[in-house]
Amino acid sequence: MTTEEHKAIARRLFGEVWNQQKLEAIDNLFARTVVFNGQPVVRDIFRQVVAGRGASFPDIHVTVEDQVAEGEKVSTRRTWRGTHQGPYRGVAATGKKVMWSQISIVRIVEGRIVEDWAVADELGILQQLGQFAG
């Protein structure tokens, strides 16, 4: 596969899985087991994470800001936006609109994501929800 094809797979993750909440797309995009931040995770766990985040922020939307690819790896910087309408990390719904950044590197083998290293501004989310002084 080309680096452009790898970038398209990463964009499908954000467009189909996150923005459209098409959880069935996870089976087509991920290997059965994915190494996530160094830990092996079955894709069913990822499906639960997406559903949980979608319950917390039902209008969640991801905008891809930058992508760089080399070989099997794709790095994506993106901005997330959503309205806090369900519990999130122990915080009851506030109705607040939040925005946060995330950067990840995924490794794609034979058309499927096999590894994902992601860093998100979780503290920034909690600050926007009023949990910590900013």
C-alpha atoms as a PDB file:
ATOM      1  CA  MET A   1       0.000   0.000   0.000  1.00  0.00           C
ATOM      2  CA  THR A   2       1.104   3.573  -0.621  1.00  0.00           C
ATOM      3  CA  THR A   3       1.462   6.234   2.052  1.00  0.00           C
ATOM      4  CA  GLU A   4      -1.580   8.005   0.561  1.00  0.00           C
ATOM      5  CA  GLU A   5      -3.637   4.815   1.015  1.00  0.00           C
ATOM      6  CA  HIS A   6      -2.418   4.577   4.608  1.00  0.00           C
ATOM      7  CA  LYS A   7      -3.421   8.213   5.230  1.00  0.00           C
ATOM      8  CA  ALA A   8      -6.878   7.483   3.795  1.00  0.00           C
ATOM      9  CA  ILE A   9      -7.322   4.593   6.264  1.00  0.00           C
ATOM     10  CA  ALA A  10      -6.441   6.903   9.170  1.00  0.00           C
ATOM     11  CA  ARG A  11      -8.906   9.535   7.878  1.00  0.00           C
ATOM     12  CA  ARG A  12     -11.624   6.857   7.675  1.00  0.00           C
ATOM     13  CA  LEU A  13     -11.048   6.160  11.367  1.00  0.00           C
ATOM     14  CA  PHE A  14     -11.915   9.763  12.220  1.00  0.00           C
ATOM     15  CA  GLY A  15     -14.627  10.254   9.611  1.00  0.00           C
ATOM     16  CA  GLU A  16     -16.526   6.972   9.837  1.00  0.00           C
ATOM     17  CA  VAL A  17     -15.856   5.737  13.351  1.00  0.00           C
ATOM     18  CA  TRP A  18     -15.742   9.002  15.298  1.00  0.00           C
ATOM     19  CA  ASN A  19     -17.731  11.554  13.296  1.00  0.00           C
ATOM     20  CA  GLN A  20     -20.390   9.176  11.984  1.00  0.00           C
ATOM     21  CA  GLN A  21     -20.247   6.744  14.947  1.00  0.00           C
ATOM     22  CA  LYS A  22     -20.205   3.753  12.555  1.00  0.00           C
ATOM     23  CA  LEU A  23     -18.896   1.219  15.045  1.00  0.00           C
ATOM     24  CA  GLU A  24     -19.088  -1.568  12.452  1.00  0.00           C
ATOM     25  CA  ALA A  25     -16.280   0.179  10.522  1.00  0.00           C
ATOM     26  CA  ILE A  26     -13.901  -0.753  13.354  1.00  0.00           C
ATOM     27  CA  ASP A  27     -13.832  -4.352  12.086  1.00  0.00           C
ATOM     28  CA  ASN A  28     -12.647  -3.168   8.656  1.00  0.00           C
ATOM     29  CA  LEU A  29     -10.092  -0.663   9.929  1.00  0.00           C
ATOM     30  CA  PHE A  30      -8.430  -2.507  12.827  1.00  0.00           C
ATOM     31  CA  ALA A  31      -6.669  -5.819  13.201  1.00  0.00           C
ATOM     32  CA  ARG A  32      -8.372  -8.173  15.679  1.00  0.00           C
ATOM     33  CA  THR A  33      -5.844  -7.108  18.338  1.00  0.00           C
ATOM     34  CA  VAL A  34      -4.264  -3.648  18.250  1.00  0.00           C
ATOM     35  CA  VAL A  35      -1.336  -2.398  20.294  1.00  0.00           C
ATOM     36  CA  PHE A  36      -2.665   0.812  21.850  1.00  0.00           C
ATOM     37  CA  ASN A  37      -0.077   2.937  23.670  1.00  0.00           C
ATOM     38  CA  GLY A  38       2.011  -0.190  24.167  1.00  0.00           C
ATOM     39  CA  GLN A  39      -0.797  -2.473  25.399  1.00  0.00           C
ATOM     40  CA  PRO A  40      -2.559  -5.138  23.311  1.00  0.00           C
ATOM     41  CA  VAL A  41      -6.270  -4.375  23.064  1.00  0.00           C
ATOM     42  CA  VAL A  42      -8.954  -6.335  21.219  1.00  0.00           C
ATOM     43  CA  ARG A  43     -10.997  -4.172  18.877  1.00  0.00           C
ATOM     44  CA  ASP A  44     -14.162  -4.787  20.943  1.00  0.00           C
ATOM     45  CA  ILE A  45     -12.576  -2.655  23.679  1.00  0.00           C
ATOM     46  CA  PHE A  46     -11.981   0.111  21.151  1.00  0.00           C
ATOM     47  CA  ARG A  47     -15.651  -0.147  20.139  1.00  0.00           C
ATOM     48  CA  GLN A  48     -16.610   0.371  23.827  1.00  0.00           C
ATOM     49  CA  VAL A  49     -14.300   3.402  24.069  1.00  0.00           C
ATOM     50  CA  VAL A  50     -15.866   4.994  20.986  1.00  0.00           C
ATOM     51  CA  ALA A  51     -19.403   4.305  22.255  1.00  0.00           C
ATOM     52  CA  GLY A  52     -18.533   5.698  25.692  1.00  0.00           C
ATOM     53  CA  ARG A  53     -17.002   8.876  24.308  1.00  0.00           C
ATOM     54  CA  GLY A  54     -20.018   9.212  21.996  1.00  0.00           C
ATOM     55  CA  ALA A  55     -22.337   8.960  25.016  1.00  0.00           C
ATOM     56  CA  SER A  56     -20.372  11.706  26.776  1.00  0.00           C
ATOM     57  CA  PHE A  57     -20.189  13.940  23.692  1.00  0.00           C
ATOM     58  CA  PRO A  58     -23.012  12.885  21.298  1.00  0.00           C
ATOM     59  CA  ASP A  59     -22.153  15.598  18.776  1.00  0.00           C
ATOM     60  CA  ILE A  60     -18.436  14.753  18.792  1.00  0.00           C
ATOM     61  CA  HIS A  61     -16.604  15.843  15.660  1.00  0.00           C
ATOM     62  CA  VAL A  62     -12.974  15.353  14.680  1.00  0.00           C
ATOM     63  CA  THR A  63     -11.194  17.648  12.234  1.00  0.00           C
ATOM     64  CA  VAL A  64      -7.929  16.395  10.765  1.00  0.00           C
ATOM     65  CA  GLU A  65      -5.497  19.316  10.826  1.00  0.00           C
ATOM     66  CA  ASP A  66      -2.292  17.658   9.576  1.00  0.00           C
ATOM     67  CA  GLN A  67      -1.160  14.232   8.408  1.00  0.00           C
ATOM     68  CA  VAL A  68       2.305  12.904   7.663  1.00  0.00           C
ATOM     69  CA  ALA A  69       3.026   9.391   6.461  1.00  0.00           C
ATOM     70  CA  GLU A  70       6.156   7.339   6.024  1.00  0.00           C
ATOM     71  CA  GLY A  71       6.180   3.642   5.257  1.00  0.00           C
ATOM     72  CA  GLU A  72       3.580   1.857   7.405  1.00  0.00           C
ATOM     73  CA  LYS A  73       3.092   4.801   9.790  1.00  0.00           C
ATOM     74  CA  VAL A  74       0.709   7.753   9.686  1.00  0.00           C
ATOM     75  CA  SER A  75       0.807  10.639  12.145  1.00  0.00           C
ATOM     76  CA  THR A  76      -2.332  12.739  12.476  1.00  0.00           C
ATOM     77  CA  ARG A  77      -2.871  15.970  14.410  1.00  0.00           C
ATOM     78  CA  ARG A  78      -6.545  16.647  14.947  1.00  0.00           C
ATOM     79  CA  THR A  79      -9.003  18.813  16.813  1.00  0.00           C
ATOM     80  CA  TRP A  80     -12.008  17.343  18.618  1.00  0.00           C
ATOM     81  CA  ARG A  81     -15.160  19.286  19.460  1.00  0.00           C
ATOM     82  CA  GLY A  82     -18.257  18.234  21.325  1.00  0.00           C
ATOM     83  CA  THR A  83     -20.907  19.146  23.864  1.00  0.00           C
ATOM     84  CA  HIS A  84     -20.645  17.436  27.248  1.00  0.00           C
ATOM     85  CA  GLN A  85     -24.046  15.740  27.519  1.00  0.00           C
ATOM     86  CA  GLY A  86     -23.169  12.566  29.444  1.00  0.00           C
ATOM     87  CA  PRO A  87     -20.774  11.494  32.210  1.00  0.00           C
ATOM     88  CA  TYR A  88     -17.088  11.845  31.351  1.00  0.00           C
ATOM     89  CA  ARG A  89     -14.321  10.624  33.681  1.00  0.00           C
ATOM     90  CA  GLY A  90     -16.642  10.957  36.670  1.00  0.00           C
ATOM     91  CA  VAL A  91     -17.927  14.407  35.686  1.00  0.00           C
ATOM     92  CA  ALA A  92     -21.701  14.657  35.248  1.00  0.00           C
ATOM     93  CA  ALA A  93     -22.989  16.315  32.068  1.00  0.00           C
ATOM     94  CA  THR A  94     -22.401  20.076  32.085  1.00  0.00           C
ATOM     95  CA  GLY A  95     -23.777  21.048  28.673  1.00  0.00           C
ATOM     96  CA  LYS A  96     -20.477  22.823  27.978  1.00  0.00           C
ATOM     97  CA  LYS A  97     -18.926  22.843  24.536  1.00  0.00           C
ATOM     98  CA  VAL A  98     -15.342  21.629  24.646  1.00  0.00           C
ATOM     99  CA  MET A  99     -12.444  21.434  22.231  1.00  0.00           C
ATOM    100  CA  TRP A 100      -9.198  19.505  22.552  1.00  0.00           C
ATOM    101  CA  SER A 101      -6.192  18.429  20.508  1.00  0.00           C
ATOM    102  CA  GLN A 102      -4.783  14.994  19.912  1.00  0.00           C
ATOM    103  CA  ILE A 103      -1.797  13.629  18.024  1.00  0.00           C
ATOM    104  CA  SER A 104      -1.292   9.982  17.136  1.00  0.00           C
ATOM    105  CA  ILE A 105       0.833   7.647  15.112  1.00  0.00           C
ATOM    106  CA  VAL A 106      -0.832   4.543  13.698  1.00  0.00           C
ATOM    107  CA  ARG A 107       0.916   1.658  11.984  1.00  0.00           C
ATOM    108  CA  ILE A 108      -0.969  -0.019   9.171  1.00  0.00           C
ATOM    109  CA  VAL A 109      -0.238  -3.522   7.900  1.00  0.00           C
ATOM    110  CA  GLU A 110      -2.192  -5.132   5.059  1.00  0.00           C
ATOM    111  CA  GLY A 111      -4.805  -2.378   5.164  1.00  0.00           C
ATOM    112  CA  ARG A 112      -5.545  -2.538   8.898  1.00  0.00           C
ATOM    113  CA  ILE A 113      -4.388  -0.549  11.893  1.00  0.00           C
ATOM    114  CA  VAL A 114      -2.210  -2.783  14.062  1.00  0.00           C
ATOM    115  CA  GLU A 115      -0.725  -0.166  16.372  1.00  0.00           C
ATOM    116  CA  ASP A 116      -1.893   3.211  17.685  1.00  0.00           C
ATOM    117  CA  TRP A 117       0.074   5.618  19.864  1.00  0.00           C
ATOM    118  CA  ALA A 118      -2.049   8.626  20.892  1.00  0.00           C
ATOM    119  CA  VAL A 119      -1.595  11.635  23.159  1.00  0.00           C
ATOM    120  CA  ALA A 120      -4.610  13.827  23.940  1.00  0.00           C
ATOM    121  CA  ASP A 121      -5.091  16.942  26.040  1.00  0.00           C
ATOM    122  CA  GLU A 122      -7.242  15.218  28.682  1.00  0.00           C
ATOM    123  CA  LEU A 123      -6.383  17.851  31.309  1.00  0.00           C
ATOM    124  CA  GLY A 124      -7.645  20.539  28.941  1.00  0.00           C
ATOM    125  CA  ILE A 125     -10.984  18.730  28.628  1.00  0.00           C
ATOM    126  CA  LEU A 126     -11.388  18.543  32.407  1.00  0.00           C
ATOM    127  CA  GLN A 127     -10.415  22.214  32.773  1.00  0.00           C
ATOM    128  CA  GLN A 128     -13.080  23.195  30.252  1.00  0.00           C
ATOM    129  CA  LEU A 129     -15.589  21.151  32.251  1.00  0.00           C
ATOM    130  CA  GLY A 130     -14.682  23.190  35.339  1.00  0.00           C
ATOM    131  CA  GLN A 131     -12.757  20.477  37.194  1.00  0.00           C
ATOM    132  CA  PHE A 132      -9.437  22.302  37.484  1.00  0.00           C
ATOM    133  CA  ALA A 133      -8.425  25.940  37.367  1.00  0.00           C
ATOM    134  CA  GLY A 134      -7.012  26.839  33.951  1.00  0.00           C
END
